[in-house]
Amino acid sequence: MHKLCETPTDTHVTSLAWAQQAGPSSSLLAVGTSDHKVQLWDVEKQRQVRSMDGHSARVSSLAWNRNLLSSGGRDSLIVHHDVRVAEHRCGTLKGHAQEVCGLRWSP
């Protein structure tokens, strides 16, 4: 077993989701953190691919739909990220009154 990443003392992992685009053996993992970030990790290469912002509170849920990664946060937002492009934020949904605790795309 290998340690993929280590967070600073005041930060912790709050959500995880494996990417689907590469099939069930995907090595791309999305990691939500308490410091408002969504990180993408290549688990096979054991390196962070990118870090994306969009929330002002912890990222509590993640869901993949091909190259679109949706993140839900304690800030009551759902942010859609297109992981293929530098300007990743392609949509923000507002309307929840509390934390978005779970997300799932319909097949």
PDB file of N, CA and C in Angstrom:
ATOM      1  N   MET A   1       0.842  -1.166   0.000  1.00  0.00           N
ATOM      2  CA  MET A   1       0.000   0.000   0.000  1.00  0.00           C
ATOM      3  C   MET A   1       0.888   1.230   0.000  1.00  0.00           C
ATOM      4  N   HIS A   2       0.462   2.247  -0.794  1.00  0.00           N
ATOM      5  CA  HIS A   2       1.217   3.488  -0.903  1.00  0.00           C
ATOM      6  C   HIS A   2       0.365   4.667  -0.481  1.00  0.00           C
ATOM      7  N   LYS A   3       0.979   5.662   0.108  1.00  0.00           N
ATOM      8  CA  LYS A   3       0.285   6.893   0.446  1.00  0.00           C
ATOM      9  C   LYS A   3       0.242   7.758  -0.803  1.00  0.00           C
ATOM     10  N   LEU A   4      -0.952   8.141  -1.218  1.00  0.00           N
ATOM     11  CA  LEU A   4      -1.107   8.950  -2.426  1.00  0.00           C
ATOM     12  C   LEU A   4      -0.754  10.405  -2.172  1.00  0.00           C
ATOM     13  N   CYS A   5      -1.313  10.968  -1.104  1.00  0.00           N
ATOM     14  CA  CYS A   5      -1.064  12.376  -0.833  1.00  0.00           C
ATOM     15  C   CYS A   5      -1.108  12.627   0.671  1.00  0.00           C
ATOM     16  N   GLU A   6      -0.592  13.767   1.038  1.00  0.00           N
ATOM     17  CA  GLU A   6      -0.627  14.175   2.431  1.00  0.00           C
ATOM     18  C   GLU A   6      -1.145  15.605   2.476  1.00  0.00           C
ATOM     19  N   THR A   7      -2.099  15.861   3.356  1.00  0.00           N
ATOM     20  CA  THR A   7      -2.665  17.203   3.456  1.00  0.00           C
ATOM     21  C   THR A   7      -1.999  17.962   4.595  1.00  0.00           C
ATOM     22  N   PRO A   8      -2.039  19.293   4.515  1.00  0.00           N
ATOM     23  CA  PRO A   8      -1.515  20.081   5.631  1.00  0.00           C
ATOM     24  C   PRO A   8      -2.282  19.760   6.916  1.00  0.00           C
ATOM     25  N   THR A   9      -1.721  20.085   8.039  1.00  0.00           N
ATOM     26  CA  THR A   9      -2.301  19.757   9.344  1.00  0.00           C
ATOM     27  C   THR A   9      -3.739  20.236   9.487  1.00  0.00           C
ATOM     28  N   ASP A  10      -4.062  21.414   8.974  1.00  0.00           N
ATOM     29  CA  ASP A  10      -5.402  21.979   9.138  1.00  0.00           C
ATOM     30  C   ASP A  10      -6.364  21.625   7.997  1.00  0.00           C
ATOM     31  N   THR A  11      -5.975  20.718   7.114  1.00  0.00           N
ATOM     32  CA  THR A  11      -6.796  20.328   5.970  1.00  0.00           C
ATOM     33  C   THR A  11      -6.977  18.814   5.971  1.00  0.00           C
ATOM     34  N   HIS A  12      -8.157  18.353   5.518  1.00  0.00           N
ATOM     35  CA  HIS A  12      -8.374  16.913   5.414  1.00  0.00           C
ATOM     36  C   HIS A  12      -9.232  16.583   4.197  1.00  0.00           C
ATOM     37  N   VAL A  13      -9.184  15.338   3.788  1.00  0.00           N
ATOM     38  CA  VAL A  13      -9.965  14.847   2.656  1.00  0.00           C
ATOM     39  C   VAL A  13     -11.415  14.704   3.104  1.00  0.00           C
ATOM     40  N   THR A  14     -12.342  15.235   2.296  1.00  0.00           N
ATOM     41  CA  THR A  14     -13.760  15.220   2.643  1.00  0.00           C
ATOM     42  C   THR A  14     -14.621  14.452   1.648  1.00  0.00           C
ATOM     43  N   SER A  15     -14.065  14.101   0.480  1.00  0.00           N
ATOM     44  CA  SER A  15     -14.817  13.313  -0.500  1.00  0.00           C
ATOM     45  C   SER A  15     -13.863  12.715  -1.534  1.00  0.00           C
ATOM     46  N   LEU A  16     -14.310  11.601  -2.140  1.00  0.00           N
ATOM     47  CA  LEU A  16     -13.524  10.894  -3.159  1.00  0.00           C
ATOM     48  C   LEU A  16     -14.448  10.374  -4.248  1.00  0.00           C
ATOM     49  N   ALA A  17     -13.939  10.310  -5.499  1.00  0.00           N
ATOM     50  CA  ALA A  17     -14.710   9.698  -6.581  1.00  0.00           C
ATOM     51  C   ALA A  17     -13.753   9.267  -7.691  1.00  0.00           C
ATOM     52  N   TRP A  18     -13.843   7.995  -8.087  1.00  0.00           N
ATOM     53  CA  TRP A  18     -13.046   7.479  -9.201  1.00  0.00           C
ATOM     54  C   TRP A  18     -13.649   7.928 -10.522  1.00  0.00           C
ATOM     55  N   ALA A  19     -12.807   8.301 -11.478  1.00  0.00           N
ATOM     56  CA  ALA A  19     -13.276   8.689 -12.815  1.00  0.00           C
ATOM     57  C   ALA A  19     -13.801   7.479 -13.556  1.00  0.00           C
ATOM     58  N   GLN A  20     -14.781   7.704 -14.412  1.00  0.00           N
ATOM     59  CA  GLN A  20     -15.378   6.629 -15.192  1.00  0.00           C
ATOM     60  C   GLN A  20     -14.864   6.586 -16.622  1.00  0.00           C
ATOM     61  N   GLN A  21     -14.335   7.695 -17.126  1.00  0.00           N
ATOM     62  CA  GLN A  21     -14.021   7.770 -18.546  1.00  0.00           C
ATOM     63  C   GLN A  21     -13.017   6.723 -19.019  1.00  0.00           C
ATOM     64  N   ALA A  22     -12.187   6.255 -18.161  1.00  0.00           N
ATOM     65  CA  ALA A  22     -11.190   5.254 -18.544  1.00  0.00           C
ATOM     66  C   ALA A  22     -11.649   3.838 -18.205  1.00  0.00           C
ATOM     67  N   GLY A  23     -12.895   3.686 -17.814  1.00  0.00           N
ATOM     68  CA  GLY A  23     -13.409   2.358 -17.478  1.00  0.00           C
ATOM     69  C   GLY A  23     -13.237   2.045 -16.015  1.00  0.00           C
ATOM     70  N   PRO A  24     -13.607   0.831 -15.624  1.00  0.00           N
ATOM     71  CA  PRO A  24     -13.582   0.460 -14.210  1.00  0.00           C
ATOM     72  C   PRO A  24     -12.183   0.423 -13.609  1.00  0.00           C
ATOM     73  N   SER A  25     -11.165   0.353 -14.441  1.00  0.00           N
ATOM     74  CA  SER A  25      -9.801   0.313 -13.912  1.00  0.00           C
ATOM     75  C   SER A  25      -9.127   1.685 -14.018  1.00  0.00           C
ATOM     76  N   SER A  26      -9.905   2.729 -13.990  1.00  0.00           N
ATOM     77  CA  SER A  26      -9.381   4.080 -14.111  1.00  0.00           C
ATOM     78  C   SER A  26      -8.364   4.372 -13.013  1.00  0.00           C
ATOM     79  N   SER A  27      -7.357   5.151 -13.367  1.00  0.00           N
ATOM     80  CA  SER A  27      -6.380   5.540 -12.354  1.00  0.00           C
ATOM     81  C   SER A  27      -6.553   6.996 -11.948  1.00  0.00           C
ATOM     82  N   LEU A  28      -7.622   7.657 -12.422  1.00  0.00           N
ATOM     83  CA  LEU A  28      -7.867   9.058 -12.087  1.00  0.00           C
ATOM     84  C   LEU A  28      -8.855   9.147 -10.930  1.00  0.00           C
ATOM     85  N   LEU A  29      -8.427   9.815  -9.860  1.00  0.00           N
ATOM     86  CA  LEU A  29      -9.228   9.943  -8.656  1.00  0.00           C
ATOM     87  C   LEU A  29      -9.450  11.419  -8.348  1.00  0.00           C
ATOM     88  N   ALA A  30     -10.703  11.801  -8.116  1.00  0.00           N
ATOM     89  CA  ALA A  30     -11.028  13.158  -7.669  1.00  0.00           C
ATOM     90  C   ALA A  30     -11.059  13.159  -6.147  1.00  0.00           C
ATOM     91  N   VAL A  31     -10.454  14.180  -5.567  1.00  0.00           N
ATOM     92  CA  VAL A  31     -10.370  14.308  -4.113  1.00  0.00           C
ATOM     93  C   VAL A  31     -10.892  15.688  -3.716  1.00  0.00           C
ATOM     94  N   GLY A  32     -11.905  15.717  -2.872  1.00  0.00           N
ATOM     95  CA  GLY A  32     -12.409  16.974  -2.324  1.00  0.00           C
ATOM     96  C   GLY A  32     -11.781  17.207  -0.963  1.00  0.00           C
ATOM     97  N   THR A  33     -11.492  18.466  -0.652  1.00  0.00           N
ATOM     98  CA  THR A  33     -10.813  18.766   0.606  1.00  0.00           C
ATOM     99  C   THR A  33     -11.567  19.799   1.434  1.00  0.00           C
ATOM    100  N   SER A  34     -11.184  19.885   2.684  1.00  0.00           N
ATOM    101  CA  SER A  34     -11.806  20.836   3.602  1.00  0.00           C
ATOM    102  C   SER A  34     -11.383  22.271   3.314  1.00  0.00           C
ATOM    103  N   ASP A  35     -10.349  22.463   2.503  1.00  0.00           N
ATOM    104  CA  ASP A  35      -9.928  23.830   2.158  1.00  0.00           C
ATOM    105  C   ASP A  35     -10.460  24.261   0.789  1.00  0.00           C
ATOM    106  N   HIS A  36     -11.637  23.720   0.416  1.00  0.00           N
ATOM    107  CA  HIS A  36     -12.429  24.154  -0.742  1.00  0.00           C
ATOM    108  C   HIS A  36     -11.901  23.694  -2.086  1.00  0.00           C
ATOM    109  N   LYS A  37     -10.970  22.810  -2.157  1.00  0.00           N
ATOM    110  CA  LYS A  37     -10.345  22.399  -3.414  1.00  0.00           C
ATOM    111  C   LYS A  37     -10.883  21.063  -3.920  1.00  0.00           C
ATOM    112  N   VAL A  38     -10.837  20.925  -5.231  1.00  0.00           N
ATOM    113  CA  VAL A  38     -11.058  19.643  -5.885  1.00  0.00           C
ATOM    114  C   VAL A  38      -9.743  19.311  -6.582  1.00  0.00           C
ATOM    115  N   GLN A  39      -9.140  18.216  -6.181  1.00  0.00           N
ATOM    116  CA  GLN A  39      -7.864  17.797  -6.756  1.00  0.00           C
ATOM    117  C   GLN A  39      -8.087  16.575  -7.635  1.00  0.00           C
ATOM    118  N   LEU A  40      -7.326  16.495  -8.723  1.00  0.00           N
ATOM    119  CA  LEU A  40      -7.325  15.297  -9.561  1.00  0.00           C
ATOM    120  C   LEU A  40      -5.968  14.629  -9.419  1.00  0.00           C
ATOM    121  N   TRP A  41      -6.008  13.328  -9.140  1.00  0.00           N
ATOM    122  CA  TRP A  41      -4.792  12.553  -8.931  1.00  0.00           C
ATOM    123  C   TRP A  41      -4.720  11.391  -9.908  1.00  0.00           C
ATOM    124  N   ASP A  42      -3.564  11.208 -10.510  1.00  0.00           N
ATOM    125  CA  ASP A  42      -3.282  10.008 -11.288  1.00  0.00           C
ATOM    126  C   ASP A  42      -2.688   9.013 -10.299  1.00  0.00           C
ATOM    127  N   VAL A  43      -3.492   8.054  -9.896  1.00  0.00           N
ATOM    128  CA  VAL A  43      -3.087   7.119  -8.856  1.00  0.00           C
ATOM    129  C   VAL A  43      -1.966   6.204  -9.342  1.00  0.00           C
ATOM    130  N   GLU A  44      -2.038   5.819 -10.595  1.00  0.00           N
ATOM    131  CA  GLU A  44      -1.010   4.930 -11.146  1.00  0.00           C
ATOM    132  C   GLU A  44       0.368   5.588 -11.112  1.00  0.00           C
ATOM    133  N   LYS A  45       0.431   6.873 -11.460  1.00  0.00           N
ATOM    134  CA  LYS A  45       1.695   7.610 -11.465  1.00  0.00           C
ATOM    135  C   LYS A  45       1.981   8.278 -10.118  1.00  0.00           C
ATOM    136  N   GLN A  46       1.013   8.213  -9.206  1.00  0.00           N
ATOM    137  CA  GLN A  46       1.123   8.802  -7.865  1.00  0.00           C
ATOM    138  C   GLN A  46       1.502  10.278  -7.920  1.00  0.00           C
ATOM    139  N   ARG A  47       0.732  11.027  -8.740  1.00  0.00           N
ATOM    140  CA  ARG A  47       0.985  12.467  -8.820  1.00  0.00           C
ATOM    141  C   ARG A  47      -0.319  13.229  -9.019  1.00  0.00           C
ATOM    142  N   GLN A  48      -0.332  14.447  -8.517  1.00  0.00           N
ATOM    143  CA  GLN A  48      -1.501  15.303  -8.682  1.00  0.00           C
ATOM    144  C   GLN A  48      -1.487  15.877 -10.090  1.00  0.00           C
ATOM    145  N   VAL A  49      -2.607  15.780 -10.786  1.00  0.00           N
ATOM    146  CA  VAL A  49      -2.737  16.279 -12.151  1.00  0.00           C
ATOM    147  C   VAL A  49      -3.117  17.756 -12.138  1.00  0.00           C
ATOM    148  N   ARG A  50      -4.055  18.114 -11.259  1.00  0.00           N
ATOM    149  CA  ARG A  50      -4.477  19.516 -11.160  1.00  0.00           C
ATOM    150  C   ARG A  50      -5.271  19.750  -9.886  1.00  0.00           C
ATOM    151  N   SER A  51      -5.462  21.031  -9.578  1.00  0.00           N
ATOM    152  CA  SER A  51      -6.285  21.452  -8.455  1.00  0.00           C
ATOM    153  C   SER A  51      -7.262  22.496  -8.973  1.00  0.00           C
ATOM    154  N   MET A  52      -8.546  22.353  -8.587  1.00  0.00           N
ATOM    155  CA  MET A  52      -9.571  23.260  -9.101  1.00  0.00           C
ATOM    156  C   MET A  52     -10.325  23.897  -7.942  1.00  0.00           C
ATOM    157  N   ASP A  53     -10.677  25.163  -8.118  1.00  0.00           N
ATOM    158  CA  ASP A  53     -11.438  25.859  -7.087  1.00  0.00           C
ATOM    159  C   ASP A  53     -12.876  26.048  -7.551  1.00  0.00           C
ATOM    160  N   GLY A  54     -13.648  26.763  -6.761  1.00  0.00           N
ATOM    161  CA  GLY A  54     -15.041  27.008  -7.092  1.00  0.00           C
ATOM    162  C   GLY A  54     -15.936  27.029  -5.876  1.00  0.00           C
ATOM    163  N   HIS A  55     -15.436  26.531  -4.763  1.00  0.00           N
ATOM    164  CA  HIS A  55     -16.218  26.506  -3.524  1.00  0.00           C
ATOM    165  C   HIS A  55     -15.589  27.438  -2.491  1.00  0.00           C
ATOM    166  N   SER A  56     -16.419  27.850  -1.521  1.00  0.00           N
ATOM    167  CA  SER A  56     -15.923  28.685  -0.427  1.00  0.00           C
ATOM    168  C   SER A  56     -15.969  27.941   0.905  1.00  0.00           C
ATOM    169  N   ALA A  57     -16.281  26.647   0.835  1.00  0.00           N
ATOM    170  CA  ALA A  57     -16.312  25.786   2.019  1.00  0.00           C
ATOM    171  C   ALA A  57     -15.945  24.373   1.562  1.00  0.00           C
ATOM    172  N   ARG A  58     -15.887  23.427   2.493  1.00  0.00           N
ATOM    173  CA  ARG A  58     -15.422  22.075   2.163  1.00  0.00           C
ATOM    174  C   ARG A  58     -16.206  21.462   1.005  1.00  0.00           C
ATOM    175  N   VAL A  59     -15.525  20.631   0.254  1.00  0.00           N
ATOM    176  CA  VAL A  59     -16.132  19.894  -0.854  1.00  0.00           C
ATOM    177  C   VAL A  59     -16.600  18.560  -0.289  1.00  0.00           C
ATOM    178  N   SER A  60     -17.904  18.395  -0.185  1.00  0.00           N
ATOM    179  CA  SER A  60     -18.455  17.241   0.524  1.00  0.00           C
ATOM    180  C   SER A  60     -18.965  16.124  -0.380  1.00  0.00           C
ATOM    181  N   SER A  61     -19.064  16.365  -1.694  1.00  0.00           N
ATOM    182  CA  SER A  61     -19.529  15.307  -2.592  1.00  0.00           C
ATOM    183  C   SER A  61     -18.982  15.535  -3.995  1.00  0.00           C
ATOM    184  N   LEU A  62     -18.763  14.422  -4.699  1.00  0.00           N
ATOM    185  CA  LEU A  62     -18.214  14.449  -6.055  1.00  0.00           C
ATOM    186  C   LEU A  62     -18.930  13.414  -6.908  1.00  0.00           C
ATOM    187  N   ALA A  63     -19.143  13.732  -8.192  1.00  0.00           N
ATOM    188  CA  ALA A  63     -19.756  12.779  -9.112  1.00  0.00           C
ATOM    189  C   ALA A  63     -19.241  13.031 -10.524  1.00  0.00           C
ATOM    190  N   TRP A  64     -18.835  11.967 -11.198  1.00  0.00           N
ATOM    191  CA  TRP A  64     -18.321  12.037 -12.563  1.00  0.00           C
ATOM    192  C   TRP A  64     -19.428  11.757 -13.572  1.00  0.00           C
ATOM    193  N   ASN A  65     -19.363  12.431 -14.714  1.00  0.00           N
ATOM    194  CA  ASN A  65     -20.166  12.133 -15.894  1.00  0.00           C
ATOM    195  C   ASN A  65     -19.245  12.336 -17.092  1.00  0.00           C
ATOM    196  N   ARG A  66     -18.532  11.287 -17.458  1.00  0.00           N
ATOM    197  CA  ARG A  66     -17.472  11.315 -18.478  1.00  0.00           C
ATOM    198  C   ARG A  66     -16.388  12.312 -18.074  1.00  0.00           C
ATOM    199  N   ASN A  67     -16.210  13.398 -18.847  1.00  0.00           N
ATOM    200  CA  ASN A  67     -15.176  14.393 -18.537  1.00  0.00           C
ATOM    201  C   ASN A  67     -15.688  15.532 -17.672  1.00  0.00           C
ATOM    202  N   LEU A  68     -16.923  15.431 -17.226  1.00  0.00           N
ATOM    203  CA  LEU A  68     -17.514  16.436 -16.357  1.00  0.00           C
ATOM    204  C   LEU A  68     -17.492  15.918 -14.922  1.00  0.00           C
ATOM    205  N   LEU A  69     -16.922  16.703 -14.038  1.00  0.00           N
ATOM    206  CA  LEU A  69     -16.887  16.363 -12.622  1.00  0.00           C
ATOM    207  C   LEU A  69     -17.722  17.398 -11.876  1.00  0.00           C
ATOM    208  N   SER A  70     -18.722  16.943 -11.157  1.00  0.00           N
ATOM    209  CA  SER A  70     -19.560  17.837 -10.367  1.00  0.00           C
ATOM    210  C   SER A  70     -19.143  17.730  -8.907  1.00  0.00           C
ATOM    211  N   SER A  71     -19.060  18.887  -8.263  1.00  0.00           N
ATOM    212  CA  SER A  71     -18.687  18.916  -6.849  1.00  0.00           C
ATOM    213  C   SER A  71     -19.760  19.663  -6.064  1.00  0.00           C
ATOM    214  N   GLY A  72     -20.128  19.101  -4.927  1.00  0.00           N
ATOM    215  CA  GLY A  72     -21.081  19.736  -4.033  1.00  0.00           C
ATOM    216  C   GLY A  72     -20.370  20.136  -2.761  1.00  0.00           C
ATOM    217  N   GLY A  73     -20.760  21.272  -2.207  1.00  0.00           N
ATOM    218  CA  GLY A  73     -20.038  21.759  -1.047  1.00  0.00           C
ATOM    219  C   GLY A  73     -20.910  22.205   0.112  1.00  0.00           C
ATOM    220  N   ARG A  74     -20.221  22.470   1.187  1.00  0.00           N
ATOM    221  CA  ARG A  74     -20.887  22.993   2.382  1.00  0.00           C
ATOM    222  C   ARG A  74     -21.441  24.396   2.124  1.00  0.00           C
ATOM    223  N   ASP A  75     -20.933  25.052   1.085  1.00  0.00           N
ATOM    224  CA  ASP A  75     -21.406  26.386   0.704  1.00  0.00           C
ATOM    225  C   ASP A  75     -22.736  26.341  -0.042  1.00  0.00           C
ATOM    226  N   SER A  76     -23.346  25.155  -0.153  1.00  0.00           N
ATOM    227  CA  SER A  76     -24.641  24.895  -0.798  1.00  0.00           C
ATOM    228  C   SER A  76     -24.605  25.018  -2.320  1.00  0.00           C
ATOM    229  N   LEU A  77     -23.425  24.999  -2.909  1.00  0.00           N
ATOM    230  CA  LEU A  77     -23.286  25.082  -4.365  1.00  0.00           C
ATOM    231  C   LEU A  77     -22.968  23.717  -4.964  1.00  0.00           C
ATOM    232  N   ILE A  78     -23.353  23.554  -6.226  1.00  0.00           N
ATOM    233  CA  ILE A  78     -22.877  22.450  -7.060  1.00  0.00           C
ATOM    234  C   ILE A  78     -22.119  23.102  -8.201  1.00  0.00           C
ATOM    235  N   VAL A  79     -20.858  22.730  -8.361  1.00  0.00           N
ATOM    236  CA  VAL A  79     -20.012  23.303  -9.405  1.00  0.00           C
ATOM    237  C   VAL A  79     -19.674  22.194 -10.395  1.00  0.00           C
ATOM    238  N   HIS A  80     -19.852  22.484 -11.691  1.00  0.00           N
ATOM    239  CA  HIS A  80     -19.490  21.547 -12.747  1.00  0.00           C
ATOM    240  C   HIS A  80     -18.122  21.944 -13.299  1.00  0.00           C
ATOM    241  N   HIS A  81     -17.220  20.968 -13.377  1.00  0.00           N
ATOM    242  CA  HIS A  81     -15.859  21.185 -13.871  1.00  0.00           C
ATOM    243  C   HIS A  81     -15.646  20.317 -15.113  1.00  0.00           C
ATOM    244  N   ASP A  82     -15.238  20.930 -16.225  1.00  0.00           N
ATOM    245  CA  ASP A  82     -14.813  20.165 -17.396  1.00  0.00           C
ATOM    246  C   ASP A  82     -13.312  19.961 -17.234  1.00  0.00           C
ATOM    247  N   VAL A  83     -12.912  18.756 -16.892  1.00  0.00           N
ATOM    248  CA  VAL A  83     -11.514  18.501 -16.521  1.00  0.00           C
ATOM    249  C   VAL A  83     -10.562  18.536 -17.715  1.00  0.00           C
ATOM    250  N   ARG A  84     -11.087  18.668 -18.930  1.00  0.00           N
ATOM    251  CA  ARG A  84     -10.236  18.695 -20.129  1.00  0.00           C
ATOM    252  C   ARG A  84      -9.662  20.069 -20.429  1.00  0.00           C
ATOM    253  N   VAL A  85     -10.222  21.117 -19.824  1.00  0.00           N
ATOM    254  CA  VAL A  85      -9.830  22.477 -20.203  1.00  0.00           C
ATOM    255  C   VAL A  85      -9.310  23.263 -19.002  1.00  0.00           C
ATOM    256  N   ALA A  86      -8.486  24.272 -19.290  1.00  0.00           N
ATOM    257  CA  ALA A  86      -7.898  25.085 -18.224  1.00  0.00           C
ATOM    258  C   ALA A  86      -8.968  25.865 -17.469  1.00  0.00           C
ATOM    259  N   GLU A  87      -9.889  26.494 -18.179  1.00  0.00           N
ATOM    260  CA  GLU A  87     -11.010  27.204 -17.550  1.00  0.00           C
ATOM    261  C   GLU A  87     -12.082  26.169 -17.241  1.00  0.00           C
ATOM    262  N   HIS A  88     -11.852  25.402 -16.199  1.00  0.00           N
ATOM    263  CA  HIS A  88     -12.607  24.193 -15.897  1.00  0.00           C
ATOM    264  C   HIS A  88     -14.049  24.422 -15.481  1.00  0.00           C
ATOM    265  N   ARG A  89     -14.343  25.557 -14.841  1.00  0.00           N
ATOM    266  CA  ARG A  89     -15.695  25.768 -14.308  1.00  0.00           C
ATOM    267  C   ARG A  89     -16.656  26.069 -15.453  1.00  0.00           C
ATOM    268  N   CYS A  90     -17.594  25.156 -15.707  1.00  0.00           N
ATOM    269  CA  CYS A  90     -18.533  25.328 -16.814  1.00  0.00           C
ATOM    270  C   CYS A  90     -19.963  25.511 -16.345  1.00  0.00           C
ATOM    271  N   GLY A  91     -20.184  25.525 -15.056  1.00  0.00           N
ATOM    272  CA  GLY A  91     -21.519  25.770 -14.535  1.00  0.00           C
ATOM    273  C   GLY A  91     -21.543  25.742 -13.026  1.00  0.00           C
ATOM    274  N   THR A  92     -22.449  26.529 -12.459  1.00  0.00           N
ATOM    275  CA  THR A  92     -22.650  26.547 -11.014  1.00  0.00           C
ATOM    276  C   THR A  92     -24.145  26.538 -10.745  1.00  0.00           C
ATOM    277  N   LEU A  93     -24.581  25.628  -9.909  1.00  0.00           N
ATOM    278  CA  LEU A  93     -25.984  25.535  -9.532  1.00  0.00           C
ATOM    279  C   LEU A  93     -26.163  26.078  -8.124  1.00  0.00           C
ATOM    280  N   LYS A  94     -27.071  27.038  -7.995  1.00  0.00           N
ATOM    281  CA  LYS A  94     -27.377  27.638  -6.705  1.00  0.00           C
ATOM    282  C   LYS A  94     -28.831  27.338  -6.387  1.00  0.00           C
ATOM    283  N   GLY A  95     -29.171  27.226  -5.145  1.00  0.00           N
ATOM    284  CA  GLY A  95     -30.555  26.996  -4.778  1.00  0.00           C
ATOM    285  C   GLY A  95     -30.720  26.130  -3.547  1.00  0.00           C
ATOM    286  N   HIS A  96     -29.686  25.395  -3.198  1.00  0.00           N
ATOM    287  CA  HIS A  96     -29.761  24.609  -1.970  1.00  0.00           C
ATOM    288  C   HIS A  96     -29.621  25.537  -0.772  1.00  0.00           C
ATOM    289  N   ALA A  97     -30.298  25.181   0.298  1.00  0.00           N
ATOM    290  CA  ALA A  97     -30.233  25.990   1.512  1.00  0.00           C
ATOM    291  C   ALA A  97     -29.157  25.498   2.470  1.00  0.00           C
ATOM    292  N   GLN A  98     -28.692  24.248   2.269  1.00  0.00           N
ATOM    293  CA  GLN A  98     -27.689  23.676   3.152  1.00  0.00           C
ATOM    294  C   GLN A  98     -26.638  22.934   2.327  1.00  0.00           C
ATOM    295  N   GLU A  99     -25.746  22.267   3.007  1.00  0.00           N
ATOM    296  CA  GLU A  99     -24.646  21.529   2.392  1.00  0.00           C
ATOM    297  C   GLU A  99     -25.156  20.486   1.395  1.00  0.00           C
ATOM    298  N   VAL A 100     -24.455  20.365   0.275  1.00  0.00           N
ATOM    299  CA  VAL A 100     -24.761  19.330  -0.712  1.00  0.00           C
ATOM    300  C   VAL A 100     -23.969  18.091  -0.301  1.00  0.00           C
ATOM    301  N   CYS A 101     -24.660  17.132   0.299  1.00  0.00           N
ATOM    302  CA  CYS A 101     -24.012  15.974   0.903  1.00  0.00           C
ATOM    303  C   CYS A 101     -23.824  14.799  -0.058  1.00  0.00           C
ATOM    304  N   GLY A 102     -24.538  14.785  -1.162  1.00  0.00           N
ATOM    305  CA  GLY A 102     -24.412  13.676  -2.101  1.00  0.00           C
ATOM    306  C   GLY A 102     -24.782  14.102  -3.492  1.00  0.00           C
ATOM    307  N   LEU A 103     -24.083  13.522  -4.471  1.00  0.00           N
ATOM    308  CA  LEU A 103     -24.350  13.772  -5.889  1.00  0.00           C
ATOM    309  C   LEU A 103     -24.266  12.446  -6.647  1.00  0.00           C
ATOM    310  N   ARG A 104     -25.056  12.327  -7.697  1.00  0.00           N
ATOM    311  CA  ARG A 104     -24.937  11.170  -8.580  1.00  0.00           C
ATOM    312  C   ARG A 104     -25.601  11.520  -9.902  1.00  0.00           C
ATOM    313  N   TRP A 105     -24.912  11.240 -10.998  1.00  0.00           N
ATOM    314  CA  TRP A 105     -25.469  11.447 -12.322  1.00  0.00           C
ATOM    315  C   TRP A 105     -26.320  10.246 -12.722  1.00  0.00           C
ATOM    316  N   SER A 106     -27.425  10.505 -13.398  1.00  0.00           N
ATOM    317  CA  SER A 106     -28.276   9.424 -13.901  1.00  0.00           C
ATOM    318  C   SER A 106     -27.634   8.812 -15.144  1.00  0.00           C
ATOM    319  N   PRO A 107     -27.551   7.476 -15.202  1.00  0.00           N
ATOM    320  CA  PRO A 107     -26.976   6.856 -16.407  1.00  0.00           C
ATOM    321  C   PRO A 107     -27.898   7.053 -17.595  1.00  0.00           C
TER     322      PRO A 107
END
